[in-house]
Structures are given as structure tokens and as C-alpha cells.
Protein backbone atom coordinates (compact mmCIF):
# COMPACT_ATOMS: atom_id res chain seq x y z
CA MET A 1 54.31 172.14 37.48
CA PRO A 2 56.88 171.45 40.01
CA VAL A 3 58.22 173.91 42.41
CA TRP A 4 62.10 173.78 42.57
CA GLU A 5 63.96 174.38 45.94
CA TYR A 6 67.68 173.95 46.52
CA GLY A 7 69.07 173.04 49.82
CA THR A 8 71.86 171.24 51.52
CA GLU A 9 75.42 171.52 51.39
CA GLU A 10 75.45 169.29 48.22
CA MET A 11 72.58 171.40 46.41
CA ALA A 12 70.22 168.56 46.57
CA ILE A 13 67.31 169.25 44.25
CA VAL A 14 63.83 169.03 45.98
CA ALA A 15 60.93 168.78 43.60
CA VAL A 16 57.35 169.47 45.19
CA ALA A 17 54.13 169.41 43.29
CA SER A 18 52.12 170.89 46.13
CA GLU A 19 48.83 170.44 44.40
CA LYS A 20 48.95 166.89 44.65
CA ASP A 21 50.86 166.58 47.84
CA VAL A 22 53.92 164.96 46.44
CA GLY A 23 57.52 165.77 47.10
CA LEU A 24 60.76 164.19 46.08
CA ARG A 25 63.67 164.96 48.18
CA SER A 26 67.58 164.15 48.09
CA GLU A 27 69.27 165.37 51.16
CA ALA A 28 72.56 164.86 52.92
CA ILE A 29 71.90 164.59 56.47
CA ASN A 30 74.45 166.15 59.04
CA ASP A 31 72.42 165.88 62.19
CA PRO A 32 70.72 162.87 63.60
CA ALA A 33 67.89 165.15 64.67
CA ASN A 34 67.34 166.44 61.04
CA GLN A 35 67.29 162.60 59.99
CA ALA A 36 64.06 162.14 62.37
CA ALA A 37 62.74 165.45 61.42
CA GLN A 38 62.76 164.56 57.71
CA GLN A 39 60.65 161.54 58.54
CA PRO A 40 57.74 163.49 60.19
CA TRP A 41 55.16 160.62 59.42
CA VAL A 42 56.71 158.62 62.57
CA GLU A 43 57.53 159.73 66.05
CA MET A 44 61.06 159.20 66.18
CA GLU A 45 64.24 160.04 67.73
CA CYS A 46 67.68 159.37 66.22
CA VAL A 47 70.79 159.08 68.41
CA GLN A 48 74.25 159.25 66.68
CA LEU A 49 76.61 156.42 67.80
CA SER A 50 79.63 156.63 65.80
CA ASN A 51 81.88 159.39 64.44
CA GLY A 52 81.24 161.52 61.19
CA LYS A 53 79.81 164.75 60.06
CA LYS A 54 77.70 163.46 57.59
CA VAL A 55 75.17 161.00 59.09
CA ALA A 56 73.22 159.85 56.27
CA GLN A 57 71.97 160.36 52.69
CA MET A 58 68.43 160.17 52.48
CA ASP A 59 66.28 159.99 49.06
CA SER A 60 62.15 160.12 49.62
CA LEU A 61 59.34 160.40 47.59
CA HIS A 62 55.99 161.39 49.12
CA LEU A 63 52.72 160.21 47.70
CA GLY A 64 50.15 161.40 50.32
CA SER A 65 49.22 158.44 52.05
CA GLN A 66 52.12 156.53 50.81
CA LEU A 67 55.95 157.16 50.76
CA ILE A 68 59.28 155.61 49.59
CA VAL A 69 62.57 156.34 51.45
CA ARG A 70 66.06 154.93 50.83
CA GLU A 71 69.00 155.63 53.33
CA ARG A 72 72.64 155.16 53.45
CA GLN A 73 73.89 155.49 56.99
CA GLU A 74 77.20 157.18 56.96
CA ALA A 75 77.28 157.21 60.97
CA SER A 76 75.81 154.50 63.18
CA VAL A 77 72.47 155.62 64.60
CA GLN A 78 69.97 154.34 66.89
CA LYS A 79 66.30 155.00 66.00
CA LEU A 80 63.42 155.01 68.75
CA GLY A 81 59.76 155.63 68.34
CA CYS A 82 56.52 154.55 67.49
CA ALA A 83 54.40 153.94 64.36
CA PRO A 84 51.15 155.89 63.96
CA ALA A 85 47.92 154.13 64.18
CA ASP A 86 47.05 153.91 60.23
CA PHE A 87 50.57 153.55 59.21
CA CYS A 88 52.64 150.55 58.45
CA ALA A 89 55.90 150.07 56.55
CA LEU A 90 57.78 147.22 54.92
CA SER A 91 61.61 147.56 54.97
CA ILE A 92 64.85 146.02 54.14
CA GLY A 93 68.45 146.45 55.37
CA SER A 94 71.88 145.52 53.87
CA TYR A 95 73.20 142.42 55.88
CA LYS A 96 76.82 143.28 55.79
CA PRO A 97 76.69 145.36 58.02
CA ALA A 98 73.41 144.22 59.46
CA ILE A 99 70.67 146.36 60.77
CA ARG A 100 68.92 145.15 64.06
CA PHE A 101 65.28 145.93 63.95
CA SER A 102 63.86 145.76 67.39
CA GLY A 103 64.04 142.03 68.36
CA HIS A 104 65.20 140.99 64.84
CA SER A 105 68.66 140.87 63.11
CA GLY A 106 69.10 141.68 59.55
CA GLU A 107 72.00 139.14 59.11
CA ARG A 108 70.01 137.07 56.72
CA GLY A 109 69.50 138.25 52.99
CA ASP A 110 66.25 136.53 52.38
CA THR A 111 63.97 138.64 54.80
CA VAL A 112 62.02 141.83 55.12
CA PHE A 113 60.69 143.70 58.10
CA PHE A 114 57.06 144.53 58.63
CA MET A 115 56.18 147.09 60.89
CA PRO A 116 52.44 147.54 61.71
CA GLY A 117 50.82 150.72 62.83
CA ASN A 118 51.16 151.62 66.75
CA ALA A 119 54.21 149.51 66.87
CA GLU A 120 57.19 150.67 69.06
CA PHE A 121 60.49 150.30 67.52
CA ASP A 122 64.04 150.37 68.35
CA ILE A 123 66.55 150.22 65.54
CA HIS A 124 70.34 150.06 65.44
CA VAL A 125 71.57 150.82 61.81
CA PRO A 126 75.40 150.64 61.64
CA ALA A 127 77.52 152.82 59.48
CA GLY A 128 77.77 151.76 56.05
CA CYS A 129 74.32 150.21 56.09
CA GLU A 130 71.93 150.83 53.24
CA THR A 131 68.13 150.56 54.32
CA ALA A 132 64.88 151.23 52.09
CA TYR A 133 61.38 151.22 53.23
CA ILE A 134 57.77 151.91 51.73
CA GLY A 135 55.00 153.09 53.98
CA PHE A 136 51.24 153.03 53.28
CA SER A 137 47.86 153.05 54.88
CA GLN A 138 47.56 149.72 57.08
CA GLU A 139 43.62 149.77 56.44
CA GLU A 140 44.30 149.84 52.64
CA PHE A 141 46.95 146.89 53.22
CA MET A 142 44.92 144.80 55.62
CA ARG A 143 41.99 144.73 52.97
CA GLY A 144 44.13 143.33 50.38
CA ALA A 145 46.18 141.05 52.77
CA ARG A 146 42.97 139.44 54.20
CA VAL A 147 41.95 138.43 50.72
CA LEU A 148 45.08 137.04 49.72
CA ASN A 149 46.12 135.07 52.77
CA PRO A 150 43.45 135.30 55.45
CA ALA A 151 45.02 132.49 57.46
CA VAL A 152 48.01 134.74 58.32
CA TRP A 153 46.46 138.36 57.85
CA ASP A 154 43.22 138.10 59.55
CA ARG A 155 44.50 140.85 61.92
CA PRO A 156 47.81 142.90 61.96
CA PRO A 157 50.82 141.60 63.94
CA GLN A 158 51.19 143.35 67.52
CA GLY A 159 54.72 144.26 66.84
CA VAL A 160 57.71 144.32 64.24
CA VAL A 161 57.77 140.78 62.47
CA GLN A 162 60.40 139.50 60.19
CA LEU A 163 59.26 137.70 56.96
CA ALA A 164 60.98 135.19 54.66
CA THR A 165 60.82 136.22 51.08
CA HIS A 166 62.28 135.48 47.63
CA ARG A 167 61.74 138.95 46.42
CA ARG A 168 64.19 141.10 48.61
CA SER A 169 66.32 141.81 45.60
CA ASP A 170 63.27 142.83 43.63
CA PHE A 171 62.41 145.08 46.84
CA LYS A 172 65.59 147.12 46.52
CA GLU A 173 65.36 147.21 42.65
CA ALA A 174 61.71 148.48 42.84
CA VAL A 175 62.68 151.24 45.42
CA ASP A 176 65.57 152.32 43.37
CA LEU A 177 63.36 152.16 40.16
CA TRP A 178 60.41 154.54 41.67
CA LEU A 179 62.78 156.89 42.84
CA GLU A 180 64.84 157.23 39.51
CA SER A 181 61.67 157.30 37.67
CA ALA A 182 60.09 160.10 39.56
CA ARG A 183 63.26 162.13 39.40
CA GLU A 184 63.37 161.74 35.45
CA LEU A 185 59.74 163.12 35.40
CA VAL A 186 60.37 165.84 37.39
CA VAL A 187 63.24 167.00 35.28
CA ARG A 188 61.44 166.45 32.23
CA GLY A 189 58.53 168.72 33.73
CA GLU A 190 55.89 165.83 33.43
CA ARG A 191 53.34 165.13 35.96
CA LEU A 192 53.75 162.09 38.02
CA ASP A 193 50.69 159.78 37.98
CA GLN A 194 50.30 159.28 41.77
CA ALA A 195 47.42 156.76 41.50
CA VAL A 196 49.24 154.41 39.37
CA LEU A 197 52.39 154.44 41.71
CA ARG A 198 50.35 154.22 44.94
CA ASN A 199 48.65 151.00 43.40
CA ASN A 200 51.90 149.65 42.24
CA ILE A 201 53.63 150.32 45.56
CA LEU A 202 50.67 148.55 47.55
CA GLN A 203 50.17 145.53 45.22
CA PHE A 204 53.99 145.05 45.45
CA ALA A 205 54.02 145.18 49.27
CA LEU A 206 51.11 142.69 49.46
CA HIS A 207 52.90 140.35 47.29
CA VAL A 208 56.08 140.32 49.09
CA VAL A 209 54.41 139.94 52.67
CA THR A 210 51.51 137.50 52.13
CA VAL A 211 53.39 134.64 52.91
CA PRO A 212 52.77 131.21 54.76
CA GLN A 213 53.03 131.59 58.50
CA ASP A 214 55.75 128.97 58.63
CA ASP A 215 58.01 131.52 56.95
CA VAL A 216 57.87 133.95 59.76
CA MET A 217 61.26 134.19 61.41
CA PRO A 218 61.31 132.94 64.92
CA SER A 219 62.81 135.17 67.52
CA TYR A 220 65.57 133.59 69.75
CA ARG A 221 65.03 133.79 73.48
CA GLU A 222 68.42 134.77 74.44
CA ARG A 223 68.56 137.65 71.82
CA LEU A 224 65.16 138.91 72.94
CA ARG A 225 66.34 138.99 76.64
CA ALA A 226 69.42 140.83 75.63
CA LEU A 227 67.40 143.38 73.74
CA TYR A 228 65.07 143.73 76.54
CA ILE A 229 67.72 144.28 79.10
CA GLY A 230 69.20 146.74 76.65
CA GLY A 231 66.06 148.74 76.23
CA LYS A 232 65.50 148.78 80.02
CA ALA A 233 68.94 150.24 80.44
CA ARG A 234 68.41 152.80 77.93
CA ALA A 235 65.28 154.14 79.45
CA PHE A 236 66.99 154.20 82.74
CA VAL A 237 69.86 156.28 81.17
CA ASP A 238 67.41 158.44 79.92
CA ALA A 239 65.35 158.96 82.95
CA CYS A 240 68.54 159.79 84.90
CA LEU A 241 69.74 162.23 82.29
CA ASP A 242 66.33 164.19 82.07
CA GLU A 243 66.91 164.64 85.84
CA ASP A 244 70.38 166.03 85.34
CA ALA A 245 71.91 162.77 86.88
CA LEU A 246 74.85 160.96 85.22
CA PRO A 247 74.38 157.33 85.26
CA THR A 248 77.22 154.53 85.75
CA VAL A 249 77.35 151.07 84.84
CA VAL A 250 77.13 150.34 88.47
CA ASP A 251 73.94 152.14 88.63
CA ILE A 252 72.24 150.35 85.54
CA CYS A 253 73.21 146.92 87.12
CA ALA A 254 71.68 147.82 90.28
CA ALA A 255 68.70 149.06 88.84
CA LEU A 256 67.92 146.43 86.50
CA GLY A 257 69.48 143.50 88.91
CA VAL A 258 71.73 142.16 86.24
CA SER A 259 75.79 141.30 86.30
CA GLU A 260 77.98 143.26 84.33
CA ARG A 261 78.63 140.48 82.31
CA THR A 262 75.17 140.13 81.37
CA LEU A 263 75.11 143.81 80.66
CA GLN A 264 78.04 143.86 78.36
CA TYR A 265 76.54 141.07 76.35
CA SER A 266 73.19 142.78 76.31
CA PHE A 267 74.53 146.17 74.77
CA ARG A 268 76.71 144.26 72.29
CA GLU A 269 73.51 142.74 70.94
CA TYR A 270 71.54 146.09 71.47
CA VAL A 271 73.91 148.99 69.92
CA GLY A 272 77.05 147.15 69.03
CA MET A 273 79.18 148.70 71.82
CA SER A 274 79.96 148.41 75.43
CA PRO A 275 77.87 149.94 78.19
CA THR A 276 80.60 152.57 79.16
CA ALA A 277 81.07 153.49 75.44
CA TYR A 278 77.16 153.82 74.80
CA LEU A 279 76.90 156.22 78.06
CA ARG A 280 79.82 158.39 76.71
CA MET A 281 78.06 158.56 73.27
CA ARG A 282 74.73 159.46 74.78
CA ARG A 283 76.16 162.20 77.03
CA LEU A 284 77.94 163.46 73.79
CA ASN A 285 74.57 163.71 72.25
CA CYS A 286 73.22 165.68 75.17
CA VAL A 287 75.84 168.11 74.87
CA ARG A 288 75.28 168.71 71.09
CA THR A 289 71.44 168.99 71.81
CA THR A 290 71.96 171.68 74.72
CA LEU A 291 74.68 173.56 72.64
CA ALA A 292 72.51 173.86 69.87
CA ALA A 293 69.53 175.00 71.64
CA GLU A 294 71.42 177.45 73.75
CA ASP A 295 72.49 181.26 73.19
CA PRO A 296 76.14 181.54 73.04
CA ARG A 297 75.97 184.75 74.85
CA GLN A 298 74.36 183.16 77.84
CA ILE A 299 76.44 179.82 78.12
CA THR A 300 79.78 178.46 77.51
CA VAL A 301 80.92 175.19 76.00
CA THR A 302 82.70 174.20 79.19
CA GLN A 303 79.70 174.67 81.20
CA VAL A 304 77.68 172.40 79.17
CA ALA A 305 80.52 169.98 78.94
CA MET A 306 80.76 169.64 82.76
CA ARG A 307 77.13 169.44 83.25
CA PHE A 308 77.40 166.16 81.34
CA GLY A 309 80.48 164.73 83.14
CA PHE A 310 83.17 165.75 80.81
CA LEU A 311 85.91 167.12 82.90
CA HIS A 312 88.97 166.54 80.55
CA LEU A 313 87.97 169.31 78.00
CA GLY A 314 90.76 168.42 75.52
CA ARG A 315 89.75 164.89 75.38
CA PHE A 316 85.97 165.81 75.18
CA SER A 317 86.55 168.34 72.29
CA GLY A 318 88.35 165.74 70.42
CA ASP A 319 85.90 163.03 70.84
CA TYR A 320 83.14 165.75 70.25
CA LYS A 321 84.50 166.61 66.60
CA ARG A 322 85.55 163.18 65.92
CA LEU A 323 81.71 162.16 66.37
CA PHE A 324 79.92 164.84 64.91
CA GLY A 325 82.32 166.33 62.60
CA GLU A 326 82.52 169.86 64.06
CA THR A 327 83.93 171.60 67.20
CA PRO A 328 81.57 172.27 70.17
CA SER A 329 82.13 175.85 69.74
CA GLU A 330 80.90 175.51 66.14
CA THR A 331 77.64 173.94 67.38
CA LEU A 332 77.14 176.59 69.96
CA GLY A 333 77.64 179.25 67.52
CA SER A 334 75.58 177.91 64.66
């Protein structure tokens, strides 16, 4: 029998059949760090980039070595991380607004993303974007893929690839069906046949992605260069913040050897905003992380705000509340 738990402000129901390592969750996410924490199978950091108390709504089903995840992004986020060795994922995102998955754009409605094991990823998910993915053992997947299309799948790709498919709409319908079916079984108190569902997921994934090599979406050199510059800039910013230094646009241009115009274009492609706006968002996220970790008896909001370069406390407080949906004092006192 499932064990029922009730959590989150929206009283989301979580059903867990612990003896089979299966879990069904539906949760409102109010903190980008929690969005990452709810997906522990992947090493990931989430950074909130637009205003909103509610960051996302996430539904997931855990099936041991496999999983199904559906997310609706209420606030824009950037996801940074690396996939485990024996984990691969197949995903889609709505194309209006469009997701950016590493060097690929989701503007076309006839493609899916495949992320192999050990792949580093850098994802920009705009507010209003709906995403879904299924994850499974790469070893199991490759055994089937080599049989179905050995010319293409003799070995896994080295990084994220974008694949053309005629089954994109089927993908979304399948994810919705799997989640709703599992929920109905739990509500009725019936056992979920994991073996059947796991095989269904794996076979569906194989059928979607074992396409001819000519259908792999090409990457555009200009876009890749812009994303490379954006990634290098982000790493430079992170390194500065780790050393309690506050980087500027001039610092970034000097470190990367690019003009401001190039940096502006790169950041528009990378995270959909200017370098200046991105720097402010990163510093606001650093403030929130620090406030959430500190003892309110030992530190003040003003001290933390000034540490990250916010000298106009009135504007800072307003920007902070618009971005996170709560005041800095509420974060510190929580």
C-alpha cells in the first residue's frame, strides 16, 4: 500500500511505495535551490532570473532506474550541471517561449533533446515554458539503440544533441498519460506495475530517437560562439563572487578579450538579458542564498546587501521582493 504524505503550500499529494522504490510527486516550487534539490539524480544548480514567488510546478514519477518529470516554469531560471555516467534523458520544451538547451534552441516544434551520461549542460528556461523529460539507464538505452540503428548509435554522443522527430506531440501526450495513470492507480490504492511501465518508457524513447544521422539538428557557429562567450562570462562571474569580488561588465570584457557589443549579443543568446541585468540577478541570488543560510541574530539584511554591492537599500528591497516574492527580512527570518 502507498504511504501518503502531504506537503507544500498547495497541499500537493505525494505517494510513495517504498518497497518498490517508486514515488509520485506533485509540488509547487518556491525556491530555485529546491527545484534543483527535487531532481537529485542530476548534479544541478538553478538560478532564478525573473520575478516571482512561485518558481515552478513540478510533477515527477520515480521508477528506480527510470523517471518521468514535467515542469511548468513560472519564473525564468538557468540550470547548470552535469549528468551522471549511466544516466541519459530525452526532453522537450515548449517553443513559444523557447527553451535553450546548451548550444541548441527549442524554437522548432519538431525536435527533441537527447542528453547522454557525463554531459555538462547549461539550460535557459523562460517563464511560461513547459518542459518534460524522461530519464533512464544509458547502458540499457544503448543496447537497444545499437540494434535499431547501429550506424548512428554505435556509441553515445559526447554532448547534448537535438534530434528531428515526428513524435514530439506524442512525447508530451505520453508523459501526461504516464503521470495521470500512475496518480489514478495510487488514488485507487492499486499497485503500479513498474516493469511494464519501465519497458514502455524505454521502448518509446528508442522509437523517438533512433533517427537517421541526417536528421540531427546542426549547430550554428555564431550561436555556439555566443553561448561559449556567455558560459565563459558566467564562470568568470562565479569565480569573482566566490572570492567576494563584484565583477563589472568592463571586468568581463577584459577577462574574455571581447567588446561590449559582442558581450551584449552573447548574453542575449545565453540568458535572454543584458550582461548588466544578469550581474544584478546573480548578486540578488547570492544575497538570498546567504540570508537563507545565516542566523538572523548574527547578521542583518543591510550587511548582506552591501556585501553584494547593493547600496540603495530601498531599491534593493523592492527588486528583491519582485524577484523572489518575499522581503529580504522574511528570507532571513525563515
